[in-house]
Amino acid sequence: MAPAFADMNYTSSAAYFAATSAGQIVVFEQYNPGIPYFFDGQDIASGQSFNGITYSNFTGGYANADITAQYNSFSGLSLGADNTALYSDPTQTFFTGGEGITLTFSAPVVAAGVYFNVNPNTGNYGFTTNLGGSAVTGSAAYDTNTFVFAGITSDSPFTSVTLYGASSYNIPEVTAATPEPSYYVLLGMGLAAVGLARRYQRSH
C-alpha cells in the first residue's frame, strides 16, 4: 500500500512556481550546456531516457514519442506522439484523445508541472503520479499562450507521472522540483528517533 500523503493541485503555473521555488529544475526538451538535447523530428522509443527522464508506457496506437517544432512551445520544441503513419501525414506529431505517456524521473521529486498545448474547450488534461496523486486542468481558459497547466506538490517524493488528455495535445514543457536537502535531514532525524524509541522499548 502506498503511504498516505497530502497533495496540493495547481491549474495556475504562477501559483505552482511560487510554491516550488526552492529546488525547481526544468527537465524537458530545453537545451542545457553539456547535456545532449533534442532535435526536431527525433523519435523516442518506449524505455529510452534523455536528460533525466525515461519515456515509457505509451498509451494508444502510436509506436514512438516524437519531438516536434510543429506546434506552440517555449523552446521551439514539444513532445507529441508519432501518429504520422496513422494519418499518412508527416505533420501528425501530437497525442490524440486517450493517448498518453509515462515520464519517469532519474531521482524522486516532490512537485511536477505539465503544460498542455490544446484547443479551447476540449475537455480535461492531466496526469497521475506513481503514488496515486493526480493533477487535472480544463481547457476553458489558457494559462500561458495556448497552454493549460496542471501541477502537483506532494509530501511524499514520487518518481513518475503518466499523462493523458481528452483531445489532441502536445507537451511544450515539463518541470519538476527535487526535495530540498533539509527534507532528507528531517527524514533522517525522524528515522533515527524511531530507531531510538524501538531500542528503548526493547530494553524496558
C-alpha atoms as a PDB file:
ATOM      1  CA  MET A   1       0.000   0.000   0.000  1.00  0.00           C
ATOM      2  CA  ALA A   2       1.315   3.467  -0.869  1.00  0.00           C
ATOM      3  CA  PRO A   3       1.989   5.784   2.082  1.00  0.00           C
ATOM      4  CA  ALA A   4      -0.571   8.448   2.916  1.00  0.00           C
ATOM      5  CA  PHE A   5       0.399  11.917   1.739  1.00  0.00           C
ATOM      6  CA  ALA A   6      -1.136  15.300   1.097  1.00  0.00           C
ATOM      7  CA  ASP A   7      -1.314  16.677  -2.436  1.00  0.00           C
ATOM      8  CA  MET A   8      -1.724  20.290  -3.480  1.00  0.00           C
ATOM      9  CA  ASN A   9      -3.006  20.739  -7.024  1.00  0.00           C
ATOM     10  CA  TYR A  10      -2.487  23.716  -9.309  1.00  0.00           C
ATOM     11  CA  THR A  11      -4.024  24.916 -12.560  1.00  0.00           C
ATOM     12  CA  SER A  12      -2.037  28.178 -12.404  1.00  0.00           C
ATOM     13  CA  SER A  13       1.632  27.918 -13.330  1.00  0.00           C
ATOM     14  CA  ALA A  14       2.360  31.132 -11.395  1.00  0.00           C
ATOM     15  CA  ALA A  15       0.946  29.658  -8.190  1.00  0.00           C
ATOM     16  CA  TYR A  16       2.790  26.391  -8.785  1.00  0.00           C
ATOM     17  CA  PHE A  17       6.163  28.066  -9.310  1.00  0.00           C
ATOM     18  CA  ALA A  18       5.641  30.252  -6.257  1.00  0.00           C
ATOM     19  CA  ALA A  19       5.062  27.130  -4.172  1.00  0.00           C
ATOM     20  CA  THR A  20       8.052  25.247  -5.588  1.00  0.00           C
ATOM     21  CA  SER A  21      10.670  27.987  -5.955  1.00  0.00           C
ATOM     22  CA  ALA A  22      13.293  26.029  -3.995  1.00  0.00           C
ATOM     23  CA  GLY A  23      14.878  23.185  -5.928  1.00  0.00           C
ATOM     24  CA  GLN A  24      12.974  23.869  -9.141  1.00  0.00           C
ATOM     25  CA  ILE A  25      14.520  22.246 -12.207  1.00  0.00           C
ATOM     26  CA  VAL A  26      13.437  22.183 -15.845  1.00  0.00           C
ATOM     27  CA  VAL A  27      13.520  18.639 -17.113  1.00  0.00           C
ATOM     28  CA  PHE A  28      12.215  18.538 -20.631  1.00  0.00           C
ATOM     29  CA  GLU A  29      13.497  19.263 -24.102  1.00  0.00           C
ATOM     30  CA  GLN A  30      15.197  22.590 -23.475  1.00  0.00           C
ATOM     31  CA  TYR A  31      18.918  22.757 -24.195  1.00  0.00           C
ATOM     32  CA  ASN A  32      21.281  22.528 -21.237  1.00  0.00           C
ATOM     33  CA  PRO A  33      25.024  23.092 -21.805  1.00  0.00           C
ATOM     34  CA  GLY A  34      26.939  19.833 -21.830  1.00  0.00           C
ATOM     35  CA  ILE A  35      23.805  17.687 -21.951  1.00  0.00           C
ATOM     36  CA  PRO A  36      22.585  16.061 -25.185  1.00  0.00           C
ATOM     37  CA  TYR A  37      19.489  17.853 -26.379  1.00  0.00           C
ATOM     38  CA  PHE A  38      16.519  17.012 -28.538  1.00  0.00           C
ATOM     39  CA  PHE A  39      16.035  17.964 -32.175  1.00  0.00           C
ATOM     40  CA  ASP A  40      13.019  18.431 -34.407  1.00  0.00           C
ATOM     41  CA  GLY A  41      11.822  15.089 -35.776  1.00  0.00           C
ATOM     42  CA  GLN A  42      13.530  12.960 -33.131  1.00  0.00           C
ATOM     43  CA  ASP A  43      11.719   9.724 -32.318  1.00  0.00           C
ATOM     44  CA  ILE A  44      11.781   8.293 -28.797  1.00  0.00           C
ATOM     45  CA  ALA A  45      11.058   4.608 -28.327  1.00  0.00           C
ATOM     46  CA  SER A  46       9.464   3.270 -25.168  1.00  0.00           C
ATOM     47  CA  GLY A  47      12.127   2.790 -22.492  1.00  0.00           C
ATOM     48  CA  GLN A  48      14.553   5.398 -23.825  1.00  0.00           C
ATOM     49  CA  SER A  49      15.998   8.019 -21.469  1.00  0.00           C
ATOM     50  CA  PHE A  50      17.037  11.610 -22.201  1.00  0.00           C
ATOM     51  CA  ASN A  51      18.001  14.480 -19.891  1.00  0.00           C
ATOM     52  CA  GLY A  52      16.931  12.666 -16.729  1.00  0.00           C
ATOM     53  CA  ILE A  53      13.579  11.331 -17.967  1.00  0.00           C
ATOM     54  CA  THR A  54      12.690   7.836 -19.160  1.00  0.00           C
ATOM     55  CA  TYR A  55       9.778   7.652 -21.619  1.00  0.00           C
ATOM     56  CA  SER A  56       7.593   4.540 -21.380  1.00  0.00           C
ATOM     57  CA  ASN A  57       4.091   3.091 -21.087  1.00  0.00           C
ATOM     58  CA  PHE A  58       2.859   4.521 -24.371  1.00  0.00           C
ATOM     59  CA  THR A  59      -0.947   4.545 -24.162  1.00  0.00           C
ATOM     60  CA  GLY A  60      -2.611   4.479 -27.580  1.00  0.00           C
ATOM     61  CA  GLY A  61      -1.780   3.328 -31.064  1.00  0.00           C
ATOM     62  CA  TYR A  62       1.447   5.232 -31.697  1.00  0.00           C
ATOM     63  CA  ALA A  63       4.823   3.476 -31.884  1.00  0.00           C
ATOM     64  CA  ASN A  64       7.143   6.311 -30.860  1.00  0.00           C
ATOM     65  CA  ALA A  65       7.010   9.563 -28.988  1.00  0.00           C
ATOM     66  CA  ASP A  66       8.127  12.444 -31.150  1.00  0.00           C
ATOM     67  CA  ILE A  67       9.929  15.756 -30.673  1.00  0.00           C
ATOM     68  CA  THR A  68       8.453  18.371 -32.982  1.00  0.00           C
ATOM     69  CA  ALA A  69       8.773  22.049 -33.847  1.00  0.00           C
ATOM     70  CA  GLN A  70       5.331  21.949 -35.466  1.00  0.00           C
ATOM     71  CA  TYR A  71       3.333  23.485 -32.622  1.00  0.00           C
ATOM     72  CA  ASN A  72       3.500  26.231 -29.994  1.00  0.00           C
ATOM     73  CA  SER A  73       6.143  25.750 -27.295  1.00  0.00           C
ATOM     74  CA  PHE A  74       8.548  27.657 -25.074  1.00  0.00           C
ATOM     75  CA  SER A  75      11.827  26.412 -26.517  1.00  0.00           C
ATOM     76  CA  GLY A  76      10.755  25.760 -30.103  1.00  0.00           C
ATOM     77  CA  LEU A  77      10.218  22.051 -29.478  1.00  0.00           C
ATOM     78  CA  SER A  78       7.488  19.971 -27.860  1.00  0.00           C
ATOM     79  CA  LEU A  79       6.646  16.343 -27.114  1.00  0.00           C
ATOM     80  CA  GLY A  80       3.942  14.531 -29.030  1.00  0.00           C
ATOM     81  CA  ALA A  81       3.118  11.105 -30.401  1.00  0.00           C
ATOM     82  CA  ASP A  82       4.298   9.926 -33.784  1.00  0.00           C
ATOM     83  CA  ASN A  83       0.944   9.463 -35.482  1.00  0.00           C
ATOM     84  CA  THR A  84       2.335  10.117 -38.961  1.00  0.00           C
ATOM     85  CA  ALA A  85       1.621   6.558 -40.147  1.00  0.00           C
ATOM     86  CA  LEU A  86      -1.905   6.602 -38.724  1.00  0.00           C
ATOM     87  CA  TYR A  87      -2.825   9.736 -40.666  1.00  0.00           C
ATOM     88  CA  SER A  88      -0.380   9.338 -43.584  1.00  0.00           C
ATOM     89  CA  ASP A  89       0.715  12.887 -42.853  1.00  0.00           C
ATOM     90  CA  PRO A  90       4.200  13.912 -41.650  1.00  0.00           C
ATOM     91  CA  THR A  91       2.757  16.753 -39.557  1.00  0.00           C
ATOM     92  CA  GLN A  92       0.686  14.477 -37.293  1.00  0.00           C
ATOM     93  CA  THR A  93       3.071  14.588 -34.340  1.00  0.00           C
ATOM     94  CA  PHE A  94       0.732  15.004 -31.384  1.00  0.00           C
ATOM     95  CA  PHE A  95      -1.132  12.887 -28.853  1.00  0.00           C
ATOM     96  CA  THR A  96      -4.747  12.192 -29.760  1.00  0.00           C
ATOM     97  CA  GLY A  97      -7.511  11.935 -27.162  1.00  0.00           C
ATOM     98  CA  GLY A  98      -6.923   8.902 -24.955  1.00  0.00           C
ATOM     99  CA  GLU A  99      -3.227   8.671 -25.805  1.00  0.00           C
ATOM    100  CA  GLY A 100      -0.581   9.264 -23.156  1.00  0.00           C
ATOM    101  CA  ILE A 101       2.885   8.502 -21.871  1.00  0.00           C
ATOM    102  CA  THR A 102       4.698   7.890 -18.580  1.00  0.00           C
ATOM    103  CA  LEU A 103       7.689  10.059 -17.689  1.00  0.00           C
ATOM    104  CA  THR A 104       9.977   8.590 -15.020  1.00  0.00           C
ATOM    105  CA  PHE A 105      12.429  10.941 -13.345  1.00  0.00           C
ATOM    106  CA  SER A 106      16.006   9.905 -12.591  1.00  0.00           C
ATOM    107  CA  ALA A 107      15.545  10.974  -8.948  1.00  0.00           C
ATOM    108  CA  PRO A 108      12.472  11.349  -6.723  1.00  0.00           C
ATOM    109  CA  VAL A 109      10.649  14.682  -6.932  1.00  0.00           C
ATOM    110  CA  VAL A 110       8.153  16.444  -4.669  1.00  0.00           C
ATOM    111  CA  ALA A 111       6.488  18.508  -7.387  1.00  0.00           C
ATOM    112  CA  ALA A 112       5.718  18.237 -11.074  1.00  0.00           C
ATOM    113  CA  GLY A 113       4.063  20.592 -13.506  1.00  0.00           C
ATOM    114  CA  VAL A 114       2.985  19.952 -17.095  1.00  0.00           C
ATOM    115  CA  TYR A 115       1.937  22.393 -19.802  1.00  0.00           C
ATOM    116  CA  PHE A 116      -0.535  21.040 -22.373  1.00  0.00           C
ATOM    117  CA  ASN A 117      -0.888  22.773 -25.747  1.00  0.00           C
ATOM    118  CA  VAL A 118      -4.580  22.301 -26.577  1.00  0.00           C
ATOM    119  CA  ASN A 119      -7.554  23.647 -28.446  1.00  0.00           C
ATOM    120  CA  PRO A 120     -10.024  25.540 -26.224  1.00  0.00           C
ATOM    121  CA  ASN A 121     -12.994  23.820 -24.614  1.00  0.00           C
ATOM    122  CA  THR A 122     -11.878  20.303 -25.484  1.00  0.00           C
ATOM    123  CA  GLY A 123     -12.057  18.696 -22.044  1.00  0.00           C
ATOM    124  CA  ASN A 124      -9.630  17.809 -19.281  1.00  0.00           C
ATOM    125  CA  TYR A 125      -5.887  17.194 -19.383  1.00  0.00           C
ATOM    126  CA  GLY A 126      -3.680  15.975 -16.578  1.00  0.00           C
ATOM    127  CA  PHE A 127      -1.512  13.295 -15.049  1.00  0.00           C
ATOM    128  CA  THR A 128      -1.278  10.786 -12.234  1.00  0.00           C
ATOM    129  CA  THR A 129       1.799  10.023 -10.139  1.00  0.00           C
ATOM    130  CA  ASN A 130       3.100   6.575  -9.286  1.00  0.00           C
ATOM    131  CA  LEU A 131       1.873   7.122  -5.702  1.00  0.00           C
ATOM    132  CA  GLY A 132      -1.694   7.737  -6.833  1.00  0.00           C
ATOM    133  CA  GLY A 133      -1.728  11.525  -6.725  1.00  0.00           C
ATOM    134  CA  SER A 134      -3.286  13.374  -9.636  1.00  0.00           C
ATOM    135  CA  ALA A 135      -3.478  16.814 -11.224  1.00  0.00           C
ATOM    136  CA  VAL A 136      -6.042  17.875 -13.792  1.00  0.00           C
ATOM    137  CA  THR A 137      -6.866  21.056 -15.674  1.00  0.00           C
ATOM    138  CA  GLY A 138      -9.641  22.084 -18.011  1.00  0.00           C
ATOM    139  CA  SER A 139      -9.405  23.934 -21.310  1.00  0.00           C
ATOM    140  CA  ALA A 140     -11.915  26.759 -20.862  1.00  0.00           C
ATOM    141  CA  ALA A 141      -9.139  29.328 -20.316  1.00  0.00           C
ATOM    142  CA  TYR A 142      -5.438  29.320 -21.149  1.00  0.00           C
ATOM    143  CA  ASP A 143      -2.699  29.661 -18.556  1.00  0.00           C
ATOM    144  CA  THR A 144       0.039  30.835 -20.952  1.00  0.00           C
ATOM    145  CA  ASN A 145      -0.183  31.345 -24.717  1.00  0.00           C
ATOM    146  CA  THR A 146      -2.231  28.332 -25.944  1.00  0.00           C
ATOM    147  CA  PHE A 147      -1.211  26.210 -22.952  1.00  0.00           C
ATOM    148  CA  VAL A 148      -3.201  24.946 -19.987  1.00  0.00           C
ATOM    149  CA  PHE A 149      -1.305  23.832 -16.879  1.00  0.00           C
ATOM    150  CA  ALA A 150      -1.606  21.052 -14.306  1.00  0.00           C
ATOM    151  CA  GLY A 151       0.723  20.816 -11.332  1.00  0.00           C
ATOM    152  CA  ILE A 152       1.063  18.942  -8.081  1.00  0.00           C
ATOM    153  CA  THR A 153       3.131  19.152  -4.910  1.00  0.00           C
ATOM    154  CA  SER A 154       3.380  16.206  -2.547  1.00  0.00           C
ATOM    155  CA  ASP A 155       4.602  15.485   0.982  1.00  0.00           C
ATOM    156  CA  SER A 156       5.955  12.166  -0.310  1.00  0.00           C
ATOM    157  CA  PRO A 157       8.525  12.110  -3.141  1.00  0.00           C
ATOM    158  CA  PHE A 158       7.319  10.347  -6.283  1.00  0.00           C
ATOM    159  CA  THR A 159       9.203   9.121  -9.333  1.00  0.00           C
ATOM    160  CA  SER A 160       6.872   9.235 -12.339  1.00  0.00           C
ATOM    161  CA  VAL A 161       3.865  10.912 -13.930  1.00  0.00           C
ATOM    162  CA  THR A 162       1.509   9.423 -16.519  1.00  0.00           C
ATOM    163  CA  LEU A 163      -0.025  11.991 -18.865  1.00  0.00           C
ATOM    164  CA  TYR A 164      -3.445  11.912 -20.510  1.00  0.00           C
ATOM    165  CA  GLY A 165      -5.739  14.203 -22.459  1.00  0.00           C
ATOM    166  CA  ALA A 166      -9.343  14.359 -23.618  1.00  0.00           C
ATOM    167  CA  SER A 167      -8.460  15.543 -27.113  1.00  0.00           C
ATOM    168  CA  SER A 168      -5.388  16.258 -29.237  1.00  0.00           C
ATOM    169  CA  TYR A 169      -2.456  17.825 -27.400  1.00  0.00           C
ATOM    170  CA  ASN A 170       1.290  18.191 -27.276  1.00  0.00           C
ATOM    171  CA  ILE A 171       3.577  18.958 -24.322  1.00  0.00           C
ATOM    172  CA  PRO A 172       5.697  22.112 -24.607  1.00  0.00           C
ATOM    173  CA  GLU A 173       7.375  21.692 -21.215  1.00  0.00           C
ATOM    174  CA  VAL A 174       7.502  19.534 -18.089  1.00  0.00           C
ATOM    175  CA  THR A 175       9.055  20.726 -14.831  1.00  0.00           C
ATOM    176  CA  ALA A 176       9.816  19.012 -11.552  1.00  0.00           C
ATOM    177  CA  ALA A 177      11.195  20.002  -8.157  1.00  0.00           C
ATOM    178  CA  THR A 178      13.554  17.836  -6.142  1.00  0.00           C
ATOM    179  CA  PRO A 179      13.284  17.706  -2.340  1.00  0.00           C
ATOM    180  CA  GLU A 180      15.336  20.313  -0.522  1.00  0.00           C
ATOM    181  CA  PRO A 181      18.331  18.913   1.407  1.00  0.00           C
ATOM    182  CA  SER A 182      16.549  19.775   4.653  1.00  0.00           C
ATOM    183  CA  TYR A 183      13.862  17.234   3.719  1.00  0.00           C
ATOM    184  CA  TYR A 184      16.385  14.410   3.880  1.00  0.00           C
ATOM    185  CA  VAL A 185      17.891  15.780   7.097  1.00  0.00           C
ATOM    186  CA  LEU A 186      14.464  15.822   8.740  1.00  0.00           C
ATOM    187  CA  LEU A 187      13.652  12.403   7.310  1.00  0.00           C
ATOM    188  CA  GLY A 188      16.906  11.004   8.719  1.00  0.00           C
ATOM    189  CA  MET A 189      16.262  12.561  12.116  1.00  0.00           C
ATOM    190  CA  GLY A 190      12.770  11.086  12.135  1.00  0.00           C
ATOM    191  CA  LEU A 191      14.019   7.594  11.262  1.00  0.00           C
ATOM    192  CA  ALA A 192      16.746   7.867  13.894  1.00  0.00           C
ATOM    193  CA  ALA A 193      14.174   8.881  16.517  1.00  0.00           C
ATOM    194  CA  VAL A 194      12.020   5.874  15.597  1.00  0.00           C
ATOM    195  CA  GLY A 195      15.039   3.587  15.937  1.00  0.00           C
ATOM    196  CA  LEU A 196      15.944   5.004  19.344  1.00  0.00           C
ATOM    197  CA  ALA A 197      12.355   4.638  20.542  1.00  0.00           C
ATOM    198  CA  ARG A 198      12.266   0.993  19.482  1.00  0.00           C
ATOM    199  CA  ARG A 199      15.562   0.249  21.211  1.00  0.00           C
ATOM    200  CA  TYR A 200      14.267   1.948  24.361  1.00  0.00           C
ATOM    201  CA  GLN A 201      11.103  -0.153  24.272  1.00  0.00           C
ATOM    202  CA  ARG A 202      13.074  -3.372  23.902  1.00  0.00           C
ATOM    203  CA  SER A 203      15.282  -2.521  26.894  1.00  0.00           C
ATOM    204  CA  HIS A 204      12.348  -1.886  29.264  1.00  0.00           C
END
